Amino acid sequence: MSDLYFQIDKSHFEDVLEQFRKEMQKDINEAVGQLAKMTEVKILELAENGLHTTFDVYKANLSSSNPSDGVYVITLDQKAMWIEEGLPPDFDLKDGLLKNAKVSKAGYRYAVVPFKHNKGPSKNTPKAQDLVNQVKKVLRQENIPFKQIEKNANGSPRLGLLHKIDIDSKKPTAKASTPALQGLRIYQNQDEKGKVTKGIYTFRTATDSPAGKDKFKHPGLEAKLFMDQAYTWMLSAWENEILPELLKKWGAK
């Protein structure tokens, strides 16, 4: 009895398997990319529902990238991490305010900090909006428009410092030395394109001198952890929705 030998050319099967692998990997990469986009949208949705005046700051510092196939990174810049991770009670804001500060003759750093009082209501905290309402009331009494651009007799816009008013108001914090609306100043400025804007401000000085020791202290901020919440949501979406669909498409059990 003679032996019978068979040798099968597997190259055709290997080509099919390789094509199968490439198509599956393509589907996985697309699914992961879609999930990354959905997660970024989820973070912004959580932030929009959980924030008020700081949402624009959070949104501006959130970004995403795709450094390689199947790898997606969502990043929150350090500038907004104080919103994500919160601030401890009595957090000293001067650490940030004095980073690029001038130095006085006595050797102390200082910076003039502007507080704008004619921002849109959506960008104001309830406390800041109370101050805005006070400003509006006094300006009405003084016949000074809050929004309208003030003009000269010839119809041209008035420019520069227009008004300086001391408004009787409470101190912003127990350790503050100046009422919140003392030294209110109203400016009008014109840009290169001729657009005139009005700004209503008070200015305060932050310094690391002994006199400024207890000034510019933040009462603290609860951590929002939007990215942690979105991460939990992402895992659930992958395990319960996206992965089962991929397995179903490719016939896995």
C-alpha atoms as a PDB file:
ATOM      1  CA  MET A   1       0.000   0.000   0.000  1.00  0.00           C
ATOM      2  CA  SER A   2       1.404   3.340  -1.007  1.00  0.00           C
ATOM      3  CA  ASP A   3       1.107   6.526   1.068  1.00  0.00           C
ATOM      4  CA  LEU A   4      -0.888   9.484  -0.144  1.00  0.00           C
ATOM      5  CA  TYR A   5       0.355  12.941   0.811  1.00  0.00           C
ATOM      6  CA  PHE A   6      -1.604  16.195   0.601  1.00  0.00           C
ATOM      7  CA  GLN A   7      -0.118  19.689   0.831  1.00  0.00           C
ATOM      8  CA  ILE A   8      -2.601  22.558   0.798  1.00  0.00           C
ATOM      9  CA  ASP A   9      -1.683  26.074  -0.300  1.00  0.00           C
ATOM     10  CA  LYS A  10      -2.838  28.197   2.702  1.00  0.00           C
ATOM     11  CA  SER A  11      -1.881  31.527   1.177  1.00  0.00           C
ATOM     12  CA  HIS A  12      -5.406  32.102  -0.139  1.00  0.00           C
ATOM     13  CA  PHE A  13      -6.864  31.604   3.347  1.00  0.00           C
ATOM     14  CA  GLU A  14      -4.229  33.856   4.891  1.00  0.00           C
ATOM     15  CA  ASP A  15      -5.122  36.611   2.444  1.00  0.00           C
ATOM     16  CA  VAL A  16      -8.788  36.269   3.349  1.00  0.00           C
ATOM     17  CA  LEU A  17      -8.011  36.294   7.087  1.00  0.00           C
ATOM     18  CA  GLU A  18      -5.794  39.368   6.717  1.00  0.00           C
ATOM     19  CA  GLN A  19      -8.526  41.224   4.850  1.00  0.00           C
ATOM     20  CA  PHE A  20     -10.996  40.099   7.518  1.00  0.00           C
ATOM     21  CA  ARG A  21      -8.675  41.411  10.245  1.00  0.00           C
ATOM     22  CA  LYS A  22      -8.209  44.774   8.517  1.00  0.00           C
ATOM     23  CA  GLU A  23     -11.934  45.306   8.087  1.00  0.00           C
ATOM     24  CA  MET A  24     -12.621  44.359  11.694  1.00  0.00           C
ATOM     25  CA  GLN A  25      -9.864  46.695  12.935  1.00  0.00           C
ATOM     26  CA  LYS A  26     -11.316  49.489  10.797  1.00  0.00           C
ATOM     27  CA  ASP A  27     -14.720  48.987  12.387  1.00  0.00           C
ATOM     28  CA  ILE A  28     -13.204  48.973  15.875  1.00  0.00           C
ATOM     29  CA  ASN A  29     -11.231  52.185  15.214  1.00  0.00           C
ATOM     30  CA  GLU A  30     -14.318  53.924  13.858  1.00  0.00           C
ATOM     31  CA  ALA A  31     -16.371  52.798  16.866  1.00  0.00           C
ATOM     32  CA  VAL A  32     -13.721  54.044  19.292  1.00  0.00           C
ATOM     33  CA  GLY A  33     -13.510  57.366  17.432  1.00  0.00           C
ATOM     34  CA  GLN A  34     -17.267  57.783  17.607  1.00  0.00           C
ATOM     35  CA  LEU A  35     -17.227  56.932  21.309  1.00  0.00           C
ATOM     36  CA  ALA A  36     -14.510  59.547  21.891  1.00  0.00           C
ATOM     37  CA  LYS A  37     -16.653  62.218  20.220  1.00  0.00           C
ATOM     38  CA  MET A  38     -19.697  61.139  22.226  1.00  0.00           C
ATOM     39  CA  THR A  39     -17.652  61.298  25.446  1.00  0.00           C
ATOM     40  CA  GLU A  40     -16.439  64.823  24.707  1.00  0.00           C
ATOM     41  CA  VAL A  41     -20.028  65.883  24.056  1.00  0.00           C
ATOM     42  CA  LYS A  42     -21.041  64.207  27.331  1.00  0.00           C
ATOM     43  CA  ILE A  43     -18.392  66.145  29.266  1.00  0.00           C
ATOM     44  CA  LEU A  44     -19.649  69.436  27.830  1.00  0.00           C
ATOM     45  CA  GLU A  45     -23.255  68.436  28.543  1.00  0.00           C
ATOM     46  CA  LEU A  46     -22.388  67.743  32.185  1.00  0.00           C
ATOM     47  CA  ALA A  47     -20.426  71.002  32.417  1.00  0.00           C
ATOM     48  CA  GLU A  48     -23.195  73.083  30.866  1.00  0.00           C
ATOM     49  CA  ASN A  49     -25.724  71.656  33.331  1.00  0.00           C
ATOM     50  CA  GLY A  50     -23.389  71.947  36.307  1.00  0.00           C
ATOM     51  CA  LEU A  51     -21.744  75.314  35.710  1.00  0.00           C
ATOM     52  CA  HIS A  52     -22.891  78.890  35.331  1.00  0.00           C
ATOM     53  CA  THR A  53     -20.325  81.658  34.971  1.00  0.00           C
ATOM     54  CA  THR A  54     -17.369  79.293  34.474  1.00  0.00           C
ATOM     55  CA  PHE A  55     -18.775  77.149  31.651  1.00  0.00           C
ATOM     56  CA  ASP A  56     -17.084  79.207  28.911  1.00  0.00           C
ATOM     57  CA  VAL A  57     -13.728  78.825  30.687  1.00  0.00           C
ATOM     58  CA  TYR A  58     -14.198  75.062  30.984  1.00  0.00           C
ATOM     59  CA  LYS A  59     -15.306  74.682  27.358  1.00  0.00           C
ATOM     60  CA  ALA A  60     -12.431  76.796  26.007  1.00  0.00           C
ATOM     61  CA  ASN A  61      -9.886  74.586  27.785  1.00  0.00           C
ATOM     62  CA  LEU A  62     -11.339  71.221  26.753  1.00  0.00           C
ATOM     63  CA  SER A  63      -9.806  69.652  23.657  1.00  0.00           C
ATOM     64  CA  SER A  64      -9.377  66.280  21.953  1.00  0.00           C
ATOM     65  CA  SER A  65      -6.753  64.660  19.739  1.00  0.00           C
ATOM     66  CA  ASN A  66      -6.158  61.484  17.759  1.00  0.00           C
ATOM     67  CA  PRO A  67      -2.393  60.821  18.053  1.00  0.00           C
ATOM     68  CA  SER A  68      -2.575  57.398  16.337  1.00  0.00           C
ATOM     69  CA  ASP A  69      -5.059  54.867  14.938  1.00  0.00           C
ATOM     70  CA  GLY A  70      -7.484  53.803  17.632  1.00  0.00           C
ATOM     71  CA  VAL A  71      -6.047  56.192  20.222  1.00  0.00           C
ATOM     72  CA  TYR A  72      -8.090  59.222  21.270  1.00  0.00           C
ATOM     73  CA  VAL A  73      -7.224  61.668  24.037  1.00  0.00           C
ATOM     74  CA  ILE A  74      -9.560  64.188  25.693  1.00  0.00           C
ATOM     75  CA  THR A  75      -7.644  66.877  27.575  1.00  0.00           C
ATOM     76  CA  LEU A  76      -8.624  69.572  30.043  1.00  0.00           C
ATOM     77  CA  ASP A  77      -5.975  72.272  30.192  1.00  0.00           C
ATOM     78  CA  GLN A  78      -4.465  73.171  33.553  1.00  0.00           C
ATOM     79  CA  LYS A  79      -6.172  76.578  33.327  1.00  0.00           C
ATOM     80  CA  ALA A  80      -9.529  74.919  34.038  1.00  0.00           C
ATOM     81  CA  MET A  81      -8.468  72.131  36.391  1.00  0.00           C
ATOM     82  CA  TRP A  82      -9.554  74.233  39.359  1.00  0.00           C
ATOM     83  CA  ILE A  83     -13.127  73.775  38.119  1.00  0.00           C
ATOM     84  CA  GLU A  84     -12.734  70.026  37.600  1.00  0.00           C
ATOM     85  CA  GLU A  85     -10.865  69.288  40.826  1.00  0.00           C
ATOM     86  CA  GLY A  86     -12.206  72.108  43.023  1.00  0.00           C
ATOM     87  CA  LEU A  87     -10.438  74.539  45.336  1.00  0.00           C
ATOM     88  CA  PRO A  88      -9.748  74.191  49.068  1.00  0.00           C
ATOM     89  CA  PRO A  89     -11.263  76.721  51.507  1.00  0.00           C
ATOM     90  CA  ASP A  90      -9.327  80.020  51.711  1.00  0.00           C
ATOM     91  CA  PHE A  91      -7.480  79.266  48.465  1.00  0.00           C
ATOM     92  CA  ASP A  92      -5.145  82.192  47.758  1.00  0.00           C
ATOM     93  CA  LEU A  93      -5.926  83.645  44.323  1.00  0.00           C
ATOM     94  CA  LYS A  94      -2.849  85.859  44.490  1.00  0.00           C
ATOM     95  CA  ASP A  95      -0.682  82.891  43.463  1.00  0.00           C
ATOM     96  CA  GLY A  96      -2.158  83.202  39.977  1.00  0.00           C
ATOM     97  CA  LEU A  97      -2.770  86.956  39.909  1.00  0.00           C
ATOM     98  CA  LEU A  98       0.857  87.793  40.711  1.00  0.00           C
ATOM     99  CA  LYS A  99       2.595  85.457  38.259  1.00  0.00           C
ATOM    100  CA  ASN A 100       3.602  88.273  35.902  1.00  0.00           C
ATOM    101  CA  ALA A 101       3.243  91.095  38.403  1.00  0.00           C
ATOM    102  CA  LYS A 102       5.189  94.328  38.731  1.00  0.00           C
ATOM    103  CA  VAL A 103       7.436  94.915  41.733  1.00  0.00           C
ATOM    104  CA  SER A 104       7.042  97.888  44.042  1.00  0.00           C
ATOM    105  CA  LYS A 105       9.916 100.000  45.402  1.00  0.00           C
ATOM    106  CA  ALA A 106       9.529  98.096  48.667  1.00  0.00           C
ATOM    107  CA  GLY A 107      10.148  94.828  46.805  1.00  0.00           C
ATOM    108  CA  TYR A 108       6.603  93.442  46.863  1.00  0.00           C
ATOM    109  CA  ARG A 109       4.808  92.106  43.801  1.00  0.00           C
ATOM    110  CA  TYR A 110       1.541  93.761  42.855  1.00  0.00           C
ATOM    111  CA  ALA A 111      -1.054  93.660  40.084  1.00  0.00           C
ATOM    112  CA  VAL A 112      -4.139  95.742  39.341  1.00  0.00           C
ATOM    113  CA  VAL A 113      -7.154  93.446  38.959  1.00  0.00           C
ATOM    114  CA  PRO A 114     -10.175  94.686  36.969  1.00  0.00           C
ATOM    115  CA  PHE A 115     -13.726  93.648  37.873  1.00  0.00           C
ATOM    116  CA  LYS A 116     -16.193  94.212  35.033  1.00  0.00           C
ATOM    117  CA  HIS A 117     -19.765  95.050  36.025  1.00  0.00           C
ATOM    118  CA  ASN A 118     -21.531  95.085  32.661  1.00  0.00           C
ATOM    119  CA  LYS A 119     -21.062  91.491  31.547  1.00  0.00           C
ATOM    120  CA  GLY A 120     -24.079  89.538  30.345  1.00  0.00           C
ATOM    121  CA  PRO A 121     -26.298  88.039  33.093  1.00  0.00           C
ATOM    122  CA  SER A 122     -25.346  84.503  32.053  1.00  0.00           C
ATOM    123  CA  LYS A 123     -21.726  85.254  32.999  1.00  0.00           C
ATOM    124  CA  ASN A 124     -22.537  86.626  36.440  1.00  0.00           C
ATOM    125  CA  THR A 125     -22.892  84.804  39.723  1.00  0.00           C
ATOM    126  CA  PRO A 126     -26.002  85.754  41.732  1.00  0.00           C
ATOM    127  CA  LYS A 127     -23.786  87.892  43.966  1.00  0.00           C
ATOM    128  CA  ALA A 128     -22.222  89.662  40.982  1.00  0.00           C
ATOM    129  CA  GLN A 129     -25.672  90.219  39.450  1.00  0.00           C
ATOM    130  CA  ASP A 130     -26.778  91.938  42.673  1.00  0.00           C
ATOM    131  CA  LEU A 131     -23.894  94.375  42.215  1.00  0.00           C
ATOM    132  CA  VAL A 132     -24.902  94.947  38.586  1.00  0.00           C
ATOM    133  CA  ASN A 133     -28.436  95.767  39.697  1.00  0.00           C
ATOM    134  CA  GLN A 134     -27.023  98.296  42.167  1.00  0.00           C
ATOM    135  CA  VAL A 135     -24.961  99.884  39.414  1.00  0.00           C
ATOM    136  CA  LYS A 136     -27.966 100.123  37.100  1.00  0.00           C
ATOM    137  CA  LYS A 137     -30.045 101.785  39.815  1.00  0.00           C
ATOM    138  CA  VAL A 138     -27.440 104.461  40.534  1.00  0.00           C
ATOM    139  CA  LEU A 139     -26.762 105.120  36.851  1.00  0.00           C
ATOM    140  CA  ARG A 140     -30.479 105.676  36.249  1.00  0.00           C
ATOM    141  CA  GLN A 141     -30.477 108.225  39.068  1.00  0.00           C
ATOM    142  CA  GLU A 142     -27.448 109.946  37.529  1.00  0.00           C
ATOM    143  CA  ASN A 143     -28.983 109.814  34.024  1.00  0.00           C
ATOM    144  CA  ILE A 144     -26.051 107.747  32.759  1.00  0.00           C
ATOM    145  CA  PRO A 145     -26.861 104.941  30.278  1.00  0.00           C
ATOM    146  CA  PHE A 146     -25.780 101.450  31.290  1.00  0.00           C
ATOM    147  CA  LYS A 147     -25.491  99.957  27.781  1.00  0.00           C
ATOM    148  CA  GLN A 148     -26.025 102.777  25.318  1.00  0.00           C
ATOM    149  CA  ILE A 149     -22.912 104.400  23.839  1.00  0.00           C
ATOM    150  CA  GLU A 150     -22.563 107.975  25.036  1.00  0.00           C
ATOM    151  CA  LYS A 151     -21.888 110.624  22.384  1.00  0.00           C
ATOM    152  CA  ASN A 152     -20.603 114.149  22.061  1.00  0.00           C
ATOM    153  CA  ALA A 153     -22.757 117.039  20.855  1.00  0.00           C
ATOM    154  CA  ASN A 154     -21.548 116.442  17.272  1.00  0.00           C
ATOM    155  CA  GLY A 155     -22.656 112.796  17.371  1.00  0.00           C
ATOM    156  CA  SER A 156     -19.188 111.254  17.732  1.00  0.00           C
ATOM    157  CA  PRO A 157     -18.668 108.710  20.531  1.00  0.00           C
ATOM    158  CA  ARG A 158     -17.148 109.896  23.772  1.00  0.00           C
ATOM    159  CA  LEU A 159     -13.917 108.019  24.436  1.00  0.00           C
ATOM    160  CA  GLY A 160     -11.732 107.312  27.444  1.00  0.00           C
ATOM    161  CA  LEU A 161     -12.762 107.643  31.088  1.00  0.00           C
ATOM    162  CA  LEU A 162     -16.293 109.079  31.151  1.00  0.00           C
ATOM    163  CA  HIS A 163     -17.428 108.738  34.766  1.00  0.00           C
ATOM    164  CA  LYS A 164     -16.075 107.921  38.207  1.00  0.00           C
ATOM    165  CA  ILE A 165     -18.635 107.160  40.906  1.00  0.00           C
ATOM    166  CA  ASP A 166     -18.448 105.872  44.476  1.00  0.00           C
ATOM    167  CA  ILE A 167     -21.484 103.682  45.121  1.00  0.00           C
ATOM    168  CA  ASP A 168     -22.526 102.868  48.674  1.00  0.00           C
ATOM    169  CA  SER A 169     -22.186  99.076  48.776  1.00  0.00           C
ATOM    170  CA  LYS A 170     -21.153  96.189  50.990  1.00  0.00           C
ATOM    171  CA  LYS A 171     -17.626  94.855  51.131  1.00  0.00           C
ATOM    172  CA  PRO A 172     -17.255  91.737  48.941  1.00  0.00           C
ATOM    173  CA  THR A 173     -15.811  89.689  51.831  1.00  0.00           C
ATOM    174  CA  ALA A 174     -15.402  90.067  55.577  1.00  0.00           C
ATOM    175  CA  LYS A 175     -11.661  90.689  55.148  1.00  0.00           C
ATOM    176  CA  ALA A 176     -12.009  93.216  52.311  1.00  0.00           C
ATOM    177  CA  SER A 177     -11.017  96.803  53.074  1.00  0.00           C
ATOM    178  CA  THR A 178     -13.005  98.491  50.295  1.00  0.00           C
ATOM    179  CA  PRO A 179     -16.724  98.411  49.411  1.00  0.00           C
ATOM    180  CA  ALA A 180     -17.371  96.410  46.241  1.00  0.00           C
ATOM    181  CA  LEU A 181     -18.487  99.386  44.119  1.00  0.00           C
ATOM    182  CA  GLN A 182     -16.224 102.123  45.438  1.00  0.00           C
ATOM    183  CA  GLY A 183     -14.274 103.830  42.665  1.00  0.00           C
ATOM    184  CA  LEU A 184     -16.559 102.647  39.851  1.00  0.00           C
ATOM    185  CA  ARG A 185     -15.246 103.815  36.480  1.00  0.00           C
ATOM    186  CA  ILE A 186     -16.996 103.903  33.106  1.00  0.00           C
ATOM    187  CA  TYR A 187     -14.925 103.834  29.924  1.00  0.00           C
ATOM    188  CA  GLN A 188     -15.635 103.861  26.215  1.00  0.00           C
ATOM    189  CA  ASN A 189     -13.012 102.617  23.780  1.00  0.00           C
ATOM    190  CA  GLN A 190     -12.836 102.354  20.009  1.00  0.00           C
ATOM    191  CA  ASP A 191     -11.038  99.528  18.208  1.00  0.00           C
ATOM    192  CA  GLU A 192      -9.185  99.604  14.887  1.00  0.00           C
ATOM    193  CA  LYS A 193     -12.397  98.877  12.978  1.00  0.00           C
ATOM    194  CA  GLY A 194     -14.205 101.773  14.616  1.00  0.00           C
ATOM    195  CA  LYS A 195     -16.361  99.681  16.952  1.00  0.00           C
ATOM    196  CA  VAL A 196     -17.023 101.418  20.261  1.00  0.00           C
ATOM    197  CA  THR A 197     -17.506  99.403  23.448  1.00  0.00           C
ATOM    198  CA  LYS A 198     -18.449 100.455  26.957  1.00  0.00           C
ATOM    199  CA  GLY A 199     -16.834  98.992  30.060  1.00  0.00           C
ATOM    200  CA  ILE A 200     -17.937  99.507  33.670  1.00  0.00           C
ATOM    201  CA  TYR A 201     -15.211  98.542  36.106  1.00  0.00           C
ATOM    202  CA  THR A 202     -13.802  98.662  39.588  1.00  0.00           C
ATOM    203  CA  PHE A 203     -10.099  98.044  40.087  1.00  0.00           C
ATOM    204  CA  ARG A 204      -8.413  96.467  43.077  1.00  0.00           C
ATOM    205  CA  THR A 205      -4.745  95.807  43.804  1.00  0.00           C
ATOM    206  CA  ALA A 206      -3.449  92.348  44.636  1.00  0.00           C
ATOM    207  CA  THR A 207      -0.128  92.331  46.450  1.00  0.00           C
ATOM    208  CA  ASP A 208       2.057  89.919  48.400  1.00  0.00           C
ATOM    209  CA  SER A 209       2.888  92.618  50.942  1.00  0.00           C
ATOM    210  CA  PRO A 210       1.786  92.041  54.561  1.00  0.00           C
ATOM    211  CA  ALA A 211      -1.150  94.408  53.984  1.00  0.00           C
ATOM    212  CA  GLY A 212      -2.521  92.067  51.310  1.00  0.00           C
ATOM    213  CA  LYS A 213      -2.052  88.851  53.281  1.00  0.00           C
ATOM    214  CA  ASP A 214      -5.725  87.970  53.713  1.00  0.00           C
ATOM    215  CA  LYS A 215      -7.023  89.584  50.529  1.00  0.00           C
ATOM    216  CA  PHE A 216      -8.140  87.683  47.407  1.00  0.00           C
ATOM    217  CA  LYS A 217      -8.940  84.494  49.298  1.00  0.00           C
ATOM    218  CA  HIS A 218     -11.416  82.170  47.572  1.00  0.00           C
ATOM    219  CA  PRO A 219     -13.991  80.549  49.893  1.00  0.00           C
ATOM    220  CA  GLY A 220     -13.435  77.200  48.201  1.00  0.00           C
ATOM    221  CA  LEU A 221     -15.055  75.304  45.357  1.00  0.00           C
ATOM    222  CA  GLU A 222     -16.485  71.803  45.253  1.00  0.00           C
ATOM    223  CA  ALA A 223     -14.847  69.480  42.716  1.00  0.00           C
ATOM    224  CA  LYS A 224     -17.136  68.936  39.702  1.00  0.00           C
ATOM    225  CA  LEU A 225     -15.397  65.814  38.325  1.00  0.00           C
ATOM    226  CA  PHE A 226     -17.162  66.000  34.967  1.00  0.00           C
ATOM    227  CA  MET A 227     -14.428  63.948  33.295  1.00  0.00           C
ATOM    228  CA  ASP A 228     -14.728  61.181  35.907  1.00  0.00           C
ATOM    229  CA  GLN A 229     -18.493  61.081  35.400  1.00  0.00           C
ATOM    230  CA  ALA A 230     -18.058  60.986  31.620  1.00  0.00           C
ATOM    231  CA  TYR A 231     -15.488  58.180  31.936  1.00  0.00           C
ATOM    232  CA  THR A 232     -17.987  56.046  33.859  1.00  0.00           C
ATOM    233  CA  TRP A 233     -20.624  56.818  31.224  1.00  0.00           C
ATOM    234  CA  MET A 234     -18.156  55.925  28.438  1.00  0.00           C
ATOM    235  CA  LEU A 235     -17.377  52.491  29.914  1.00  0.00           C
ATOM    236  CA  SER A 236     -21.068  51.722  30.162  1.00  0.00           C
ATOM    237  CA  ALA A 237     -21.715  52.857  26.587  1.00  0.00           C
ATOM    238  CA  TRP A 238     -18.847  50.686  25.304  1.00  0.00           C
ATOM    239  CA  GLU A 239     -19.773  47.543  27.224  1.00  0.00           C
ATOM    240  CA  ASN A 240     -23.545  47.742  26.843  1.00  0.00           C
ATOM    241  CA  GLU A 241     -24.032  49.308  23.406  1.00  0.00           C
ATOM    242  CA  ILE A 242     -21.026  49.581  21.115  1.00  0.00           C
ATOM    243  CA  LEU A 243     -19.161  46.329  21.847  1.00  0.00           C
ATOM    244  CA  PRO A 244     -22.286  44.120  21.572  1.00  0.00           C
ATOM    245  CA  GLU A 245     -23.044  45.691  18.178  1.00  0.00           C
ATOM    246  CA  LEU A 246     -19.509  44.991  16.941  1.00  0.00           C
ATOM    247  CA  LEU A 247     -19.641  41.380  18.142  1.00  0.00           C
ATOM    248  CA  LYS A 248     -23.032  40.904  16.531  1.00  0.00           C
ATOM    249  CA  LYS A 249     -21.792  42.279  13.210  1.00  0.00           C
ATOM    250  CA  TRP A 250     -18.771  39.956  13.166  1.00  0.00           C
ATOM    251  CA  GLY A 251     -20.686  36.864  14.258  1.00  0.00           C
ATOM    252  CA  ALA A 252     -19.097  36.491  17.670  1.00  0.00           C
ATOM    253  CA  LYS A 253     -21.068  34.984  20.556  1.00  0.00           C
END
